Protein backbone atom coordinates (compact mmCIF):
# COMPACT_ATOMS: atom_id res chain seq x y z
CA MET A 1 0.00 0.00 0.00
CA PHE A 2 1.37 3.42 -0.98
CA SER A 3 0.66 6.35 1.33
CA VAL A 4 1.30 10.03 0.74
CA LEU A 5 1.53 12.27 3.77
CA CYS A 6 0.50 15.82 2.95
CA GLN A 7 0.29 18.80 5.20
CA LEU A 8 -2.06 21.63 4.50
CA GLN A 9 -0.69 25.14 4.65
CA LEU A 10 -2.95 28.20 4.60
CA GLN A 11 -1.76 31.60 3.51
CA THR A 12 -3.83 34.77 3.81
CA SER A 13 -3.65 38.18 2.20
CA GLY A 14 -2.27 39.44 5.51
CA SER A 15 -3.34 42.44 7.56
CA LEU A 16 -5.54 44.86 5.64
CA THR A 17 -6.95 48.34 6.04
CA ALA A 18 -10.46 48.97 4.71
CA VAL A 19 -12.12 52.35 4.23
CA LEU A 20 -15.54 52.84 5.79
CA GLY A 21 -18.49 53.13 3.42
CA SER A 22 -19.11 51.99 -0.13
CA ASN A 23 -15.62 50.72 -0.70
CA LYS A 24 -14.59 47.15 -1.48
CA TYR A 25 -11.95 45.06 0.17
CA GLU A 26 -10.99 41.50 -0.49
CA ILE A 27 -9.52 38.93 1.83
CA THR A 28 -8.00 35.80 0.41
CA CYS A 29 -6.91 32.40 1.61
CA THR A 30 -4.72 30.04 -0.41
CA TYR A 31 -4.09 26.39 0.39
CA ASN A 32 -1.20 24.21 -0.68
CA GLY A 33 0.20 20.81 0.15
CA LEU A 34 -2.84 18.59 -0.48
CA THR A 35 -3.45 15.63 -2.74
CA THR A 36 -6.28 15.77 -5.28
CA GLU A 37 -8.39 13.51 -3.06
CA GLN A 38 -7.82 15.74 -0.02
CA ILE A 39 -8.79 18.84 -2.02
CA THR A 40 -12.10 17.19 -2.94
CA GLY A 41 -12.85 16.74 0.78
CA LEU A 42 -11.54 20.13 1.92
CA SER A 43 -13.94 22.50 3.68
CA LEU A 44 -13.11 26.10 4.54
CA LYS A 45 -14.64 28.62 6.95
CA LEU A 46 -14.10 32.33 7.48
CA GLN A 47 -14.88 33.16 11.08
CA LYS A 48 -15.00 36.31 13.18
CA GLY A 49 -15.82 36.43 16.88
CA GLY A 50 -16.91 32.79 16.90
CA VAL A 51 -19.38 33.32 14.03
CA ASP A 52 -19.03 31.42 10.75
CA LEU A 53 -19.32 34.24 8.19
CA VAL A 54 -18.60 32.02 5.19
CA VAL A 55 -18.73 28.23 5.04
CA ILE A 56 -17.40 26.52 1.92
CA HIS A 57 -18.45 22.90 1.76
CA PRO A 58 -16.26 20.14 0.27
CA LEU A 59 -16.31 19.83 -3.51
CA TYR A 60 -17.70 16.29 -3.39
CA LEU A 61 -20.88 17.53 -1.65
CA ASN A 62 -21.66 19.92 -4.53
CA LYS A 63 -23.39 22.33 -2.09
CA ASN A 64 -23.65 26.10 -2.29
CA THR A 65 -21.45 28.25 -0.11
CA THR A 66 -23.21 29.37 3.08
CA ILE A 67 -22.96 33.07 3.97
CA HIS A 68 -24.06 34.40 7.38
CA SER A 69 -27.09 36.69 7.30
CA SER A 70 -25.14 39.60 8.85
CA VAL A 71 -22.99 39.93 5.70
CA GLN A 72 -25.01 38.05 3.08
CA ASN A 73 -26.05 41.09 1.03
CA ARG A 74 -22.57 42.62 1.09
CA VAL A 75 -20.26 39.68 0.43
CA VAL A 76 -19.27 37.86 -2.76
CA VAL A 77 -17.33 34.59 -2.50
CA ALA A 78 -15.11 33.03 -5.14
CA ARG A 79 -14.26 29.60 -3.78
CA PHE A 80 -11.27 27.33 -4.30
CA GLY A 81 -11.52 24.52 -6.81
CA ALA A 82 -9.63 21.41 -7.83
CA SER A 83 -7.21 23.44 -9.95
CA ASN A 84 -7.50 26.81 -8.17
CA PRO A 85 -6.22 26.96 -4.57
CA VAL A 86 -7.45 30.52 -3.88
CA THR A 87 -10.63 31.58 -2.07
CA LYS A 88 -11.60 35.26 -2.23
CA VAL A 89 -14.19 36.97 -0.05
CA THR A 90 -15.04 40.47 -1.26
CA PHE A 91 -16.88 42.86 1.04
CA ASN A 92 -18.80 45.39 -1.09
CA SER A 93 -19.65 47.87 1.63
CA ILE A 94 -17.59 48.40 4.77
CA THR A 95 -19.04 48.95 8.25
CA CYS A 96 -17.23 49.60 11.52
CA ASP A 97 -18.07 46.02 12.55
CA GLU A 98 -15.80 44.63 9.82
CA GLY A 99 -12.68 45.59 11.76
CA GLY A 100 -11.03 42.91 13.85
CA SER A 101 -9.48 39.49 13.70
CA TYR A 102 -10.66 36.94 11.11
CA THR A 103 -9.79 33.25 11.19
CA TRP A 104 -9.70 30.93 8.20
CA SER A 105 -10.31 27.35 9.30
CA ALA A 106 -9.71 24.44 6.92
CA ASN A 107 -10.71 20.81 7.55
CA TYR A 108 -9.56 17.84 5.54
CA TYR A 109 -8.83 14.15 5.98
CA ALA A 110 -5.27 12.84 5.99
CA ASP A 111 -3.69 9.50 6.83
CA THR A 112 -3.91 10.47 10.50
CA GLY A 113 -7.65 11.31 10.35
CA GLU A 114 -9.47 14.63 10.33
CA THR A 115 -7.15 17.60 10.44
CA THR A 116 -7.91 21.27 11.07
CA VAL A 117 -5.56 24.10 10.17
CA THR A 118 -6.16 27.78 10.88
CA ALA A 119 -4.71 31.10 9.78
CA THR A 120 -5.62 34.51 11.19
CA GLN A 121 -5.62 37.94 9.63
CA GLN A 122 -6.36 41.38 10.99
CA ILE A 123 -8.65 43.94 9.32
CA THR A 124 -8.51 47.61 10.33
CA VAL A 125 -11.35 49.92 9.29
CA LYS A 126 -10.67 53.63 8.97
CA GLY A 127 -12.94 56.56 8.12
CA LYS A 128 -13.03 58.38 4.81
CA VAL A 129 -10.76 61.38 4.39
CA ALA A 130 -12.78 64.56 3.82
CA ALA A 131 -12.33 66.07 0.36
């Protein structure tokens, strides 16, 4: 029996500053280090303050991405795929509540069982500069 041990690594777009109001900002998460089979079973969450803002179900389930009602009308999600390791969450309108610490949480199955990996990024929201 041949076994491949892979370790998931998550990378984010890092700390960001967003401008309050009708401005867009995008946060990204990129995975690497998984086999094709593990990618098919990968699920990804974007969390803030213990709330799942975005839940991306595994590819094999063929389910729609779940977006929390508090951001549903202001968020667009471009999810990872089998040949695209990047997930982008674009906020279309910024509120003061968007500032803070966000955690990406990825779950997948490896030879050792279910594995969870997290990565955190900080968002700072600032006011508009008067013209």
